[in-house]
Amino acid sequence: MKTILDLINPVPFSPLVIVFAFALDMIAGDPERFPHPVRWMGRLITFVEAQLRSRLPKTQAGERLGGALLWVTVVGSAYLLTLAALYLAYKVSPTLSLVIAVYFVWAGLSVKSLGDEAMAVVRALEKGLDEARACLSRIVGRDTADLKEEGVLKAAVETVAENASDGVIAPLFFLAIGGPPLMMAYKAVNTLDSMVGYKNGRYRHFGWFSARADDAANFIPARITGGLIVSASFILGYNWVKSAAILLRDRKKHPSPNAGVPEAAMAGALGVQMGGPSYYGGVLSAKPLIGDAAAGYSPSSVTSCIRIMRFAALLMVLGVFAVRTAFIYFL
């Protein structure tokens, strides 16, 4: 009798895919000119959005319906196309299916690129504050033009902490459940949120469904990320006791239902304070403070944050490998 896991894993999926893909990500990262599913998702989102906006009424209900249809179209396409590619490849050769699965999992991870982008900000600071602000603006949504050096470093740390969940742990979580197709579906959910999930005039209603769906999809992974950051802090010799304490105390202080969890765990581990006022498009966002200001920000804050994030990713990879192995041999 088929289980639910059997039904959402119709194509055999070797645990070795996780190992190969993670190693490839740590070596090569995300080559800028290499074909990437997320870029294709972005183009599909732009095309489908234009089609829906030209056909649906310009009302709140019409925009919310259009946003829901956009979500179903893009997420469904990501899942079904990935599944079809793996299924057809498996019919030709299990080895070919493994290679394609590695490609999709590699494309779904951003462990190396997340750390590299943050370190690029640190290196840019050595050349000047203006260059660091410009570099930072490529990876954060907040206004960077008036940030001082500590503000630049703080934003880099916050970005790594928050994206440890939706860029690293969450894709692996959905990979564990449903293989590469579900992982790619999650990447579509996350890409939709980053492109249309804004609370501005254009997307307040059209992007509502994508924003809420992203919150729901990241609820469990964000909390796994918080626990992994505490565990990584313990193994690497950071302040894991404070990490756990701040996680429990401040995890709900962020406006997002999920972002505060990894940020709180990371703030405690590093002994820094996150949150506080930031500007987005010239509009002030007065976020609550997360953590205790035991130490100021320095370049070492960024390097330590990256180290913890990458070790948390390794722990998750080992966990997913164990889950998929158990699924094949014991369940």
C-alpha atoms as a PDB file:
ATOM      1  CA  MET A   1       0.000   0.000   0.000  1.00  0.00           C
ATOM      2  CA  LYS A   2       1.439   3.352  -1.038  1.00  0.00           C
ATOM      3  CA  THR A   3       2.085   5.939   1.655  1.00  0.00           C
ATOM      4  CA  ILE A   4       1.765   9.693   1.246  1.00  0.00           C
ATOM      5  CA  LEU A   5       5.565   9.876   0.900  1.00  0.00           C
ATOM      6  CA  ASP A   6       5.410   7.358  -1.943  1.00  0.00           C
ATOM      7  CA  LEU A   7       2.828   9.467  -3.750  1.00  0.00           C
ATOM      8  CA  ILE A   8       4.890  12.676  -3.555  1.00  0.00           C
ATOM      9  CA  ASN A   9       8.094  10.844  -4.510  1.00  0.00           C
ATOM     10  CA  PRO A  10       7.086   9.089  -7.768  1.00  0.00           C
ATOM     11  CA  VAL A  11      10.633   9.152  -9.160  1.00  0.00           C
ATOM     12  CA  PRO A  12      13.369   7.269  -7.218  1.00  0.00           C
ATOM     13  CA  PHE A  13      15.689   9.711  -5.459  1.00  0.00           C
ATOM     14  CA  SER A  14      19.125   8.602  -4.238  1.00  0.00           C
ATOM     15  CA  PRO A  15      20.426  10.183  -1.001  1.00  0.00           C
ATOM     16  CA  LEU A  16      23.772  10.550  -2.791  1.00  0.00           C
ATOM     17  CA  VAL A  17      22.186  13.402  -4.761  1.00  0.00           C
ATOM     18  CA  ILE A  18      22.197  15.508  -1.586  1.00  0.00           C
ATOM     19  CA  VAL A  19      25.895  14.888  -0.959  1.00  0.00           C
ATOM     20  CA  PHE A  20      26.943  15.617  -4.552  1.00  0.00           C
ATOM     21  CA  ALA A  21      24.784  18.738  -4.824  1.00  0.00           C
ATOM     22  CA  PHE A  22      25.955  20.187  -1.507  1.00  0.00           C
ATOM     23  CA  ALA A  23      29.597  19.597  -2.426  1.00  0.00           C
ATOM     24  CA  LEU A  24      29.012  21.221  -5.810  1.00  0.00           C
ATOM     25  CA  ASP A  25      27.356  24.219  -4.192  1.00  0.00           C
ATOM     26  CA  MET A  26      30.239  24.679  -1.739  1.00  0.00           C
ATOM     27  CA  ILE A  27      32.769  24.465  -4.588  1.00  0.00           C
ATOM     28  CA  ALA A  28      31.060  26.367  -7.410  1.00  0.00           C
ATOM     29  CA  GLY A  29      28.274  28.334  -5.752  1.00  0.00           C
ATOM     30  CA  ASP A  30      25.844  29.886  -8.214  1.00  0.00           C
ATOM     31  CA  PRO A  31      27.708  30.754 -11.445  1.00  0.00           C
ATOM     32  CA  GLU A  32      26.184  33.964 -12.782  1.00  0.00           C
ATOM     33  CA  ARG A  33      25.840  32.835 -16.407  1.00  0.00           C
ATOM     34  CA  PHE A  34      24.902  29.229 -15.749  1.00  0.00           C
ATOM     35  CA  PRO A  35      21.278  28.280 -16.587  1.00  0.00           C
ATOM     36  CA  HIS A  36      19.305  28.536 -13.357  1.00  0.00           C
ATOM     37  CA  PRO A  37      15.692  27.494 -12.651  1.00  0.00           C
ATOM     38  CA  VAL A  38      15.078  30.520 -10.423  1.00  0.00           C
ATOM     39  CA  ARG A  39      15.871  32.875 -13.301  1.00  0.00           C
ATOM     40  CA  TRP A  40      13.382  30.989 -15.466  1.00  0.00           C
ATOM     41  CA  MET A  41      10.838  31.272 -12.669  1.00  0.00           C
ATOM     42  CA  GLY A  42      11.391  35.020 -12.580  1.00  0.00           C
ATOM     43  CA  ARG A  43      10.703  35.335 -16.289  1.00  0.00           C
ATOM     44  CA  LEU A  44       7.570  33.189 -15.963  1.00  0.00           C
ATOM     45  CA  ILE A  45       6.307  35.315 -13.073  1.00  0.00           C
ATOM     46  CA  THR A  46       6.780  38.515 -15.073  1.00  0.00           C
ATOM     47  CA  PHE A  47       4.994  37.064 -18.122  1.00  0.00           C
ATOM     48  CA  VAL A  48       2.050  35.532 -16.255  1.00  0.00           C
ATOM     49  CA  GLU A  49       1.585  38.631 -14.107  1.00  0.00           C
ATOM     50  CA  ALA A  50       1.302  40.812 -17.215  1.00  0.00           C
ATOM     51  CA  GLN A  51      -1.237  38.446 -18.762  1.00  0.00           C
ATOM     52  CA  LEU A  52      -3.384  38.293 -15.637  1.00  0.00           C
ATOM     53  CA  ARG A  53      -3.326  42.034 -15.029  1.00  0.00           C
ATOM     54  CA  SER A  54      -4.496  42.696 -18.599  1.00  0.00           C
ATOM     55  CA  ARG A  55      -7.469  40.332 -18.234  1.00  0.00           C
ATOM     56  CA  LEU A  56      -8.758  40.642 -14.666  1.00  0.00           C
ATOM     57  CA  PRO A  57     -10.705  43.550 -13.131  1.00  0.00           C
ATOM     58  CA  LYS A  58      -8.647  46.279 -11.441  1.00  0.00           C
ATOM     59  CA  THR A  59     -10.378  45.719  -8.114  1.00  0.00           C
ATOM     60  CA  GLN A  60      -9.159  44.353  -4.795  1.00  0.00           C
ATOM     61  CA  ALA A  61     -10.939  41.048  -5.430  1.00  0.00           C
ATOM     62  CA  GLY A  62      -9.657  40.896  -8.997  1.00  0.00           C
ATOM     63  CA  GLU A  63      -6.072  41.514  -7.934  1.00  0.00           C
ATOM     64  CA  ARG A  64      -6.245  38.914  -5.162  1.00  0.00           C
ATOM     65  CA  LEU A  65      -7.659  36.384  -7.612  1.00  0.00           C
ATOM     66  CA  GLY A  66      -4.906  37.220 -10.084  1.00  0.00           C
ATOM     67  CA  GLY A  67      -2.258  36.806  -7.403  1.00  0.00           C
ATOM     68  CA  ALA A  68      -3.643  33.399  -6.435  1.00  0.00           C
ATOM     69  CA  LEU A  69      -3.758  32.268 -10.071  1.00  0.00           C
ATOM     70  CA  LEU A  70      -0.179  33.483 -10.545  1.00  0.00           C
ATOM     71  CA  TRP A  71       0.929  31.444  -7.540  1.00  0.00           C
ATOM     72  CA  VAL A  72      -0.812  28.273  -8.689  1.00  0.00           C
ATOM     73  CA  THR A  73       0.563  28.642 -12.217  1.00  0.00           C
ATOM     74  CA  VAL A  74       4.175  29.260 -11.242  1.00  0.00           C
ATOM     75  CA  VAL A  75       4.424  26.831  -8.318  1.00  0.00           C
ATOM     76  CA  GLY A  76       2.548  24.132 -10.219  1.00  0.00           C
ATOM     77  CA  SER A  77       4.776  24.611 -13.268  1.00  0.00           C
ATOM     78  CA  ALA A  78       7.939  24.403 -11.176  1.00  0.00           C
ATOM     79  CA  TYR A  79       6.812  21.153  -9.579  1.00  0.00           C
ATOM     80  CA  LEU A  80       5.443  19.456 -12.690  1.00  0.00           C
ATOM     81  CA  LEU A  81       8.297  20.436 -15.018  1.00  0.00           C
ATOM     82  CA  THR A  82      10.909  19.226 -12.534  1.00  0.00           C
ATOM     83  CA  LEU A  83       8.993  15.987 -12.031  1.00  0.00           C
ATOM     84  CA  ALA A  84       8.632  15.491 -15.796  1.00  0.00           C
ATOM     85  CA  ALA A  85      12.345  16.094 -16.380  1.00  0.00           C
ATOM     86  CA  LEU A  86      13.316  13.555 -13.722  1.00  0.00           C
ATOM     87  CA  TYR A  87      10.718  11.008 -14.858  1.00  0.00           C
ATOM     88  CA  LEU A  88      11.764  11.157 -18.513  1.00  0.00           C
ATOM     89  CA  ALA A  89      15.441  11.021 -17.562  1.00  0.00           C
ATOM     90  CA  TYR A  90      14.805   7.982 -15.363  1.00  0.00           C
ATOM     91  CA  LYS A  91      13.088   6.220 -18.250  1.00  0.00           C
ATOM     92  CA  VAL A  92      16.246   6.754 -20.313  1.00  0.00           C
ATOM     93  CA  SER A  93      18.765   5.987 -17.565  1.00  0.00           C
ATOM     94  CA  PRO A  94      18.799   6.065 -13.749  1.00  0.00           C
ATOM     95  CA  THR A  95      22.252   7.651 -13.994  1.00  0.00           C
ATOM     96  CA  LEU A  96      20.899  10.475 -16.136  1.00  0.00           C
ATOM     97  CA  SER A  97      18.109  10.996 -13.614  1.00  0.00           C
ATOM     98  CA  LEU A  98      20.690  11.223 -10.827  1.00  0.00           C
ATOM     99  CA  VAL A  99      22.682  13.848 -12.752  1.00  0.00           C
ATOM    100  CA  ILE A 100      19.582  15.960 -13.395  1.00  0.00           C
ATOM    101  CA  ALA A 101      18.518  15.593  -9.757  1.00  0.00           C
ATOM    102  CA  VAL A 102      21.942  16.857  -8.657  1.00  0.00           C
ATOM    103  CA  TYR A 103      21.516  19.856 -10.959  1.00  0.00           C
ATOM    104  CA  PHE A 104      18.129  20.772  -9.471  1.00  0.00           C
ATOM    105  CA  VAL A 105      19.283  20.357  -5.861  1.00  0.00           C
ATOM    106  CA  TRP A 106      22.441  22.339  -6.563  1.00  0.00           C
ATOM    107  CA  ALA A 107      20.324  25.101  -8.095  1.00  0.00           C
ATOM    108  CA  GLY A 108      18.042  25.044  -5.045  1.00  0.00           C
ATOM    109  CA  LEU A 109      20.870  25.736  -2.597  1.00  0.00           C
ATOM    110  CA  SER A 110      22.660  29.015  -1.949  1.00  0.00           C
ATOM    111  CA  VAL A 111      25.062  28.213   0.877  1.00  0.00           C
ATOM    112  CA  LYS A 112      28.256  29.414  -0.799  1.00  0.00           C
ATOM    113  CA  SER A 113      26.704  32.329  -2.663  1.00  0.00           C
ATOM    114  CA  LEU A 114      25.012  33.670   0.489  1.00  0.00           C
ATOM    115  CA  GLY A 115      28.312  33.726   2.330  1.00  0.00           C
ATOM    116  CA  ASP A 116      30.207  35.101  -0.664  1.00  0.00           C
ATOM    117  CA  GLU A 117      27.754  37.990  -1.098  1.00  0.00           C
ATOM    118  CA  ALA A 118      28.136  38.953   2.558  1.00  0.00           C
ATOM    119  CA  MET A 119      31.925  38.736   2.394  1.00  0.00           C
ATOM    120  CA  ALA A 120      31.888  40.925  -0.707  1.00  0.00           C
ATOM    121  CA  VAL A 121      30.378  43.652   1.483  1.00  0.00           C
ATOM    122  CA  VAL A 122      33.204  43.252   4.005  1.00  0.00           C
ATOM    123  CA  ARG A 123      35.828  43.477   1.251  1.00  0.00           C
ATOM    124  CA  ALA A 124      34.091  46.510  -0.238  1.00  0.00           C
ATOM    125  CA  LEU A 125      34.365  48.279   3.122  1.00  0.00           C
ATOM    126  CA  GLU A 126      38.123  48.173   2.760  1.00  0.00           C
ATOM    127  CA  LYS A 127      37.726  50.305  -0.380  1.00  0.00           C
ATOM    128  CA  GLY A 128      35.284  52.775   1.123  1.00  0.00           C
ATOM    129  CA  LEU A 129      31.862  53.136   2.687  1.00  0.00           C
ATOM    130  CA  ASP A 130      30.141  54.158  -0.541  1.00  0.00           C
ATOM    131  CA  GLU A 131      31.323  51.017  -2.300  1.00  0.00           C
ATOM    132  CA  ALA A 132      30.196  48.876   0.635  1.00  0.00           C
ATOM    133  CA  ARG A 133      26.740  50.485   0.584  1.00  0.00           C
ATOM    134  CA  ALA A 134      26.419  49.806  -3.146  1.00  0.00           C
ATOM    135  CA  CYS A 135      27.507  46.196  -2.659  1.00  0.00           C
ATOM    136  CA  LEU A 136      25.075  45.749   0.219  1.00  0.00           C
ATOM    137  CA  SER A 137      22.173  47.154  -1.809  1.00  0.00           C
ATOM    138  CA  ARG A 138      22.392  44.101  -4.091  1.00  0.00           C
ATOM    139  CA  ILE A 139      21.454  41.704  -1.287  1.00  0.00           C
ATOM    140  CA  VAL A 140      19.101  43.690   0.994  1.00  0.00           C
ATOM    141  CA  GLY A 141      15.783  45.449   0.481  1.00  0.00           C
ATOM    142  CA  ARG A 142      16.433  48.328   2.887  1.00  0.00           C
ATOM    143  CA  ASP A 143      17.825  51.734   1.919  1.00  0.00           C
ATOM    144  CA  THR A 144      21.610  51.743   2.237  1.00  0.00           C
ATOM    145  CA  ALA A 145      22.638  55.252   1.167  1.00  0.00           C
ATOM    146  CA  ASP A 146      22.881  56.663   4.712  1.00  0.00           C
ATOM    147  CA  LEU A 147      24.186  53.623   6.579  1.00  0.00           C
ATOM    148  CA  LYS A 148      27.348  53.983   8.618  1.00  0.00           C
ATOM    149  CA  GLU A 149      29.968  51.220   8.747  1.00  0.00           C
ATOM    150  CA  GLU A 150      28.329  49.391  11.652  1.00  0.00           C
ATOM    151  CA  GLY A 151      24.948  49.650   9.943  1.00  0.00           C
ATOM    152  CA  VAL A 152      26.382  48.065   6.806  1.00  0.00           C
ATOM    153  CA  LEU A 153      27.881  45.180   8.762  1.00  0.00           C
ATOM    154  CA  LYS A 154      24.683  44.743  10.773  1.00  0.00           C
ATOM    155  CA  ALA A 155      22.593  44.527   7.603  1.00  0.00           C
ATOM    156  CA  ALA A 156      24.957  41.921   6.152  1.00  0.00           C
ATOM    157  CA  VAL A 157      24.704  39.769   9.288  1.00  0.00           C
ATOM    158  CA  GLU A 158      20.905  40.066   9.378  1.00  0.00           C
ATOM    159  CA  THR A 159      20.694  39.035   5.734  1.00  0.00           C
ATOM    160  CA  VAL A 160      22.809  35.925   6.267  1.00  0.00           C
ATOM    161  CA  ALA A 161      20.829  34.978   9.388  1.00  0.00           C
ATOM    162  CA  GLU A 162      17.427  35.418   7.749  1.00  0.00           C
ATOM    163  CA  ASN A 163      18.390  33.763   4.472  1.00  0.00           C
ATOM    164  CA  ALA A 164      19.890  30.811   6.316  1.00  0.00           C
ATOM    165  CA  SER A 165      16.284  29.681   6.521  1.00  0.00           C
ATOM    166  CA  ASP A 166      14.713  30.440   3.144  1.00  0.00           C
ATOM    167  CA  GLY A 167      17.901  30.079   1.091  1.00  0.00           C
ATOM    168  CA  VAL A 168      19.399  26.998   2.739  1.00  0.00           C
ATOM    169  CA  ILE A 169      17.396  25.096   5.336  1.00  0.00           C
ATOM    170  CA  ALA A 170      13.912  25.423   3.821  1.00  0.00           C
ATOM    171  CA  PRO A 171      14.910  24.053   0.386  1.00  0.00           C
ATOM    172  CA  LEU A 172      16.558  21.088   2.115  1.00  0.00           C
ATOM    173  CA  PHE A 173      13.461  20.558   4.259  1.00  0.00           C
ATOM    174  CA  PHE A 174      11.217  20.264   1.216  1.00  0.00           C
ATOM    175  CA  LEU A 175      13.833  18.129  -0.519  1.00  0.00           C
ATOM    176  CA  ALA A 176      13.632  15.679   2.381  1.00  0.00           C
ATOM    177  CA  ILE A 177       9.856  15.443   2.035  1.00  0.00           C
ATOM    178  CA  GLY A 178       9.296  15.397  -1.708  1.00  0.00           C
ATOM    179  CA  GLY A 179      12.604  15.290  -3.541  1.00  0.00           C
ATOM    180  CA  PRO A 180      13.767  17.825  -6.150  1.00  0.00           C
ATOM    181  CA  PRO A 181      10.237  18.560  -7.509  1.00  0.00           C
ATOM    182  CA  LEU A 182       8.994  19.780  -4.123  1.00  0.00           C
ATOM    183  CA  MET A 183      12.274  21.627  -3.564  1.00  0.00           C
ATOM    184  CA  MET A 184      11.782  23.498  -6.857  1.00  0.00           C
ATOM    185  CA  ALA A 185       8.151  24.199  -5.943  1.00  0.00           C
ATOM    186  CA  TYR A 186       9.400  25.804  -2.730  1.00  0.00           C
ATOM    187  CA  LYS A 187      11.922  27.893  -4.681  1.00  0.00           C
ATOM    188  CA  ALA A 188       9.005  29.116  -6.794  1.00  0.00           C
ATOM    189  CA  VAL A 189       7.087  30.043  -3.616  1.00  0.00           C
ATOM    190  CA  ASN A 190      10.096  31.981  -2.341  1.00  0.00           C
ATOM    191  CA  THR A 191      10.745  33.680  -5.690  1.00  0.00           C
ATOM    192  CA  LEU A 192       7.115  34.774  -5.917  1.00  0.00           C
ATOM    193  CA  ASP A 193       7.346  36.342  -2.467  1.00  0.00           C
ATOM    194  CA  SER A 194      10.540  38.196  -3.393  1.00  0.00           C
ATOM    195  CA  MET A 195       9.008  39.537  -6.613  1.00  0.00           C
ATOM    196  CA  VAL A 196       5.376  40.281  -5.752  1.00  0.00           C
ATOM    197  CA  GLY A 197       5.018  39.862  -1.979  1.00  0.00           C
ATOM    198  CA  TYR A 198       5.340  43.578  -1.189  1.00  0.00           C
ATOM    199  CA  LYS A 199       2.977  45.769   0.816  1.00  0.00           C
ATOM    200  CA  ASN A 200       3.099  48.646  -1.659  1.00  0.00           C
ATOM    201  CA  GLY A 201       0.430  50.052  -3.917  1.00  0.00           C
ATOM    202  CA  ARG A 202       1.156  47.725  -6.815  1.00  0.00           C
ATOM    203  CA  TYR A 203       1.349  44.467  -4.880  1.00  0.00           C
ATOM    204  CA  ARG A 204      -0.631  45.010  -1.669  1.00  0.00           C
ATOM    205  CA  HIS A 205      -3.486  42.871  -3.004  1.00  0.00           C
ATOM    206  CA  PHE A 206      -1.912  41.135  -6.010  1.00  0.00           C
ATOM    207  CA  GLY A 207       0.969  39.813  -3.909  1.00  0.00           C
ATOM    208  CA  TRP A 208      -1.067  38.996  -0.808  1.00  0.00           C
ATOM    209  CA  PHE A 209      -1.455  35.295  -1.614  1.00  0.00           C
ATOM    210  CA  SER A 210       2.247  34.846  -2.434  1.00  0.00           C
ATOM    211  CA  ALA A 211       3.311  36.586   0.782  1.00  0.00           C
ATOM    212  CA  ARG A 212       1.009  34.485   2.978  1.00  0.00           C
ATOM    213  CA  ALA A 213       1.981  31.266   1.198  1.00  0.00           C
ATOM    214  CA  ASP A 214       5.667  32.048   1.775  1.00  0.00           C
ATOM    215  CA  ASP A 215       5.001  32.629   5.479  1.00  0.00           C
ATOM    216  CA  ALA A 216       3.250  29.260   5.698  1.00  0.00           C
ATOM    217  CA  ALA A 217       5.951  27.406   3.752  1.00  0.00           C
ATOM    218  CA  ASN A 218       8.735  28.801   5.942  1.00  0.00           C
ATOM    219  CA  PHE A 219       7.051  28.302   9.317  1.00  0.00           C
ATOM    220  CA  ILE A 220       8.603  24.912  10.132  1.00  0.00           C
ATOM    221  CA  PRO A 221      11.962  25.463   8.322  1.00  0.00           C
ATOM    222  CA  ALA A 222      12.550  28.747  10.178  1.00  0.00           C
ATOM    223  CA  ARG A 223      12.204  26.997  13.520  1.00  0.00           C
ATOM    224  CA  ILE A 224      14.467  24.170  12.396  1.00  0.00           C
ATOM    225  CA  THR A 225      16.983  26.849  11.373  1.00  0.00           C
ATOM    226  CA  GLY A 226      16.875  28.405  14.834  1.00  0.00           C
ATOM    227  CA  GLY A 227      17.628  25.047  16.431  1.00  0.00           C
ATOM    228  CA  LEU A 228      20.421  24.327  13.956  1.00  0.00           C
ATOM    229  CA  ILE A 229      22.045  27.709  14.642  1.00  0.00           C
ATOM    230  CA  VAL A 230      22.048  26.913  18.358  1.00  0.00           C
ATOM    231  CA  SER A 231      23.521  23.461  17.621  1.00  0.00           C
ATOM    232  CA  ALA A 232      26.154  24.877  15.264  1.00  0.00           C
ATOM    233  CA  SER A 233      27.074  27.503  17.875  1.00  0.00           C
ATOM    234  CA  PHE A 234      27.605  24.753  20.446  1.00  0.00           C
ATOM    235  CA  ILE A 235      29.820  22.668  18.145  1.00  0.00           C
ATOM    236  CA  LEU A 236      31.841  25.645  16.872  1.00  0.00           C
ATOM    237  CA  GLY A 237      32.388  27.171  20.311  1.00  0.00           C
ATOM    238  CA  TYR A 238      30.120  30.213  20.114  1.00  0.00           C
ATOM    239  CA  ASN A 239      27.748  31.246  22.892  1.00  0.00           C
ATOM    240  CA  TRP A 240      25.110  28.574  22.364  1.00  0.00           C
ATOM    241  CA  VAL A 241      23.506  29.157  25.767  1.00  0.00           C
ATOM    242  CA  LYS A 242      22.849  32.799  24.886  1.00  0.00           C
ATOM    243  CA  SER A 243      21.791  31.751  21.404  1.00  0.00           C
ATOM    244  CA  ALA A 244      19.100  29.466  22.851  1.00  0.00           C
ATOM    245  CA  ALA A 245      18.025  32.061  25.422  1.00  0.00           C
ATOM    246  CA  ILE A 246      17.626  34.891  22.887  1.00  0.00           C
ATOM    247  CA  LEU A 247      15.888  32.508  20.486  1.00  0.00           C
ATOM    248  CA  LEU A 248      13.265  31.719  23.111  1.00  0.00           C
ATOM    249  CA  ARG A 249      12.943  35.338  24.255  1.00  0.00           C
ATOM    250  CA  ASP A 250      13.024  37.358  21.020  1.00  0.00           C
ATOM    251  CA  ARG A 251      11.889  35.039  18.231  1.00  0.00           C
ATOM    252  CA  LYS A 252       8.496  36.753  17.954  1.00  0.00           C
ATOM    253  CA  LYS A 253       9.764  40.331  17.859  1.00  0.00           C
ATOM    254  CA  HIS A 254      10.271  40.523  14.086  1.00  0.00           C
ATOM    255  CA  PRO A 255       7.382  41.786  11.875  1.00  0.00           C
ATOM    256  CA  SER A 256       7.760  38.547   9.902  1.00  0.00           C
ATOM    257  CA  PRO A 257       6.395  35.420  11.618  1.00  0.00           C
ATOM    258  CA  ASN A 258       9.555  33.546  10.625  1.00  0.00           C
ATOM    259  CA  ALA A 259      12.549  35.875  10.166  1.00  0.00           C
ATOM    260  CA  GLY A 260      12.885  36.595  13.868  1.00  0.00           C
ATOM    261  CA  VAL A 261      13.660  32.955  14.680  1.00  0.00           C
ATOM    262  CA  PRO A 262      17.044  32.604  12.933  1.00  0.00           C
ATOM    263  CA  GLU A 263      17.899  36.244  13.657  1.00  0.00           C
ATOM    264  CA  ALA A 264      17.332  35.769  17.382  1.00  0.00           C
ATOM    265  CA  ALA A 265      19.408  32.582  17.480  1.00  0.00           C
ATOM    266  CA  MET A 266      22.236  34.255  15.543  1.00  0.00           C
ATOM    267  CA  ALA A 267      22.117  37.443  17.629  1.00  0.00           C
ATOM    268  CA  GLY A 268      22.583  35.433  20.810  1.00  0.00           C
ATOM    269  CA  ALA A 269      25.426  33.371  19.367  1.00  0.00           C
ATOM    270  CA  LEU A 270      27.328  36.476  18.228  1.00  0.00           C
ATOM    271  CA  GLY A 271      26.433  38.705  21.168  1.00  0.00           C
ATOM    272  CA  VAL A 272      24.995  41.422  18.922  1.00  0.00           C
ATOM    273  CA  GLN A 273      21.692  43.220  18.589  1.00  0.00           C
ATOM    274  CA  MET A 274      19.579  43.037  15.423  1.00  0.00           C
ATOM    275  CA  GLY A 275      16.444  44.838  14.353  1.00  0.00           C
ATOM    276  CA  GLY A 276      15.746  48.488  15.136  1.00  0.00           C
ATOM    277  CA  PRO A 277      14.726  51.232  12.700  1.00  0.00           C
ATOM    278  CA  SER A 278      15.411  50.790   8.969  1.00  0.00           C
ATOM    279  CA  TYR A 279      14.187  52.599   5.869  1.00  0.00           C
ATOM    280  CA  TYR A 280      12.602  50.876   2.886  1.00  0.00           C
ATOM    281  CA  GLY A 281      11.945  53.102  -0.110  1.00  0.00           C
ATOM    282  CA  GLY A 282      12.234  56.116   2.160  1.00  0.00           C
ATOM    283  CA  VAL A 283       9.622  54.746   4.580  1.00  0.00           C
ATOM    284  CA  LEU A 284      10.674  54.087   8.175  1.00  0.00           C
ATOM    285  CA  SER A 285      10.193  50.567   9.539  1.00  0.00           C
ATOM    286  CA  ALA A 286      10.629  50.662  13.315  1.00  0.00           C
ATOM    287  CA  LYS A 287      11.431  47.018  14.008  1.00  0.00           C
ATOM    288  CA  PRO A 288      11.835  45.851  17.619  1.00  0.00           C
ATOM    289  CA  LEU A 289      15.331  45.091  18.836  1.00  0.00           C
ATOM    290  CA  ILE A 290      16.430  41.450  18.891  1.00  0.00           C
ATOM    291  CA  GLY A 291      19.252  40.318  21.175  1.00  0.00           C
ATOM    292  CA  ASP A 292      21.445  42.132  23.673  1.00  0.00           C
ATOM    293  CA  ALA A 293      24.100  44.610  22.584  1.00  0.00           C
ATOM    294  CA  ALA A 294      26.964  42.778  24.268  1.00  0.00           C
ATOM    295  CA  ALA A 295      29.280  43.546  21.354  1.00  0.00           C
ATOM    296  CA  GLY A 296      29.391  45.912  18.399  1.00  0.00           C
ATOM    297  CA  TYR A 297      29.553  44.849  14.770  1.00  0.00           C
ATOM    298  CA  SER A 298      32.869  44.232  13.061  1.00  0.00           C
ATOM    299  CA  PRO A 299      34.011  42.305   9.989  1.00  0.00           C
ATOM    300  CA  SER A 300      34.487  39.287  12.271  1.00  0.00           C
ATOM    301  CA  SER A 301      30.742  39.413  13.040  1.00  0.00           C
ATOM    302  CA  VAL A 302      30.058  38.705   9.372  1.00  0.00           C
ATOM    303  CA  THR A 303      32.648  35.930   9.092  1.00  0.00           C
ATOM    304  CA  SER A 304      31.375  34.270  12.284  1.00  0.00           C
ATOM    305  CA  CYS A 305      27.779  34.489  11.050  1.00  0.00           C
ATOM    306  CA  ILE A 306      28.748  32.848   7.756  1.00  0.00           C
ATOM    307  CA  ARG A 307      30.643  30.120   9.579  1.00  0.00           C
ATOM    308  CA  ILE A 308      27.635  29.302  11.763  1.00  0.00           C
ATOM    309  CA  MET A 309      25.277  29.401   8.766  1.00  0.00           C
ATOM    310  CA  ARG A 310      27.420  27.017   6.743  1.00  0.00           C
ATOM    311  CA  PHE A 311      27.807  24.574   9.614  1.00  0.00           C
ATOM    312  CA  ALA A 312      24.049  24.663  10.212  1.00  0.00           C
ATOM    313  CA  ALA A 313      23.643  23.833   6.529  1.00  0.00           C
ATOM    314  CA  LEU A 314      25.990  20.867   6.901  1.00  0.00           C
ATOM    315  CA  LEU A 315      23.971  19.591   9.853  1.00  0.00           C
ATOM    316  CA  MET A 316      20.781  19.876   7.792  1.00  0.00           C
ATOM    317  CA  VAL A 317      22.377  18.046   4.860  1.00  0.00           C
ATOM    318  CA  LEU A 318      23.364  15.191   7.168  1.00  0.00           C
ATOM    319  CA  GLY A 319      19.843  15.124   8.546  1.00  0.00           C
ATOM    320  CA  VAL A 320      18.223  15.061   5.110  1.00  0.00           C
ATOM    321  CA  PHE A 321      20.633  12.339   3.991  1.00  0.00           C
ATOM    322  CA  ALA A 322      19.627  10.267   7.012  1.00  0.00           C
ATOM    323  CA  VAL A 323      15.911  10.839   6.385  1.00  0.00           C
ATOM    324  CA  ARG A 324      16.099   9.877   2.723  1.00  0.00           C
ATOM    325  CA  THR A 325      18.218   6.822   3.514  1.00  0.00           C
ATOM    326  CA  ALA A 326      15.700   5.703   6.131  1.00  0.00           C
ATOM    327  CA  PHE A 327      12.877   6.295   3.678  1.00  0.00           C
ATOM    328  CA  ILE A 328      14.491   3.979   1.104  1.00  0.00           C
ATOM    329  CA  TYR A 329      15.745   1.194   3.338  1.00  0.00           C
ATOM    330  CA  PHE A 330      13.560   1.171   6.440  1.00  0.00           C
ATOM    331  CA  LEU A 331      10.156   2.715   5.655  1.00  0.00           C
END
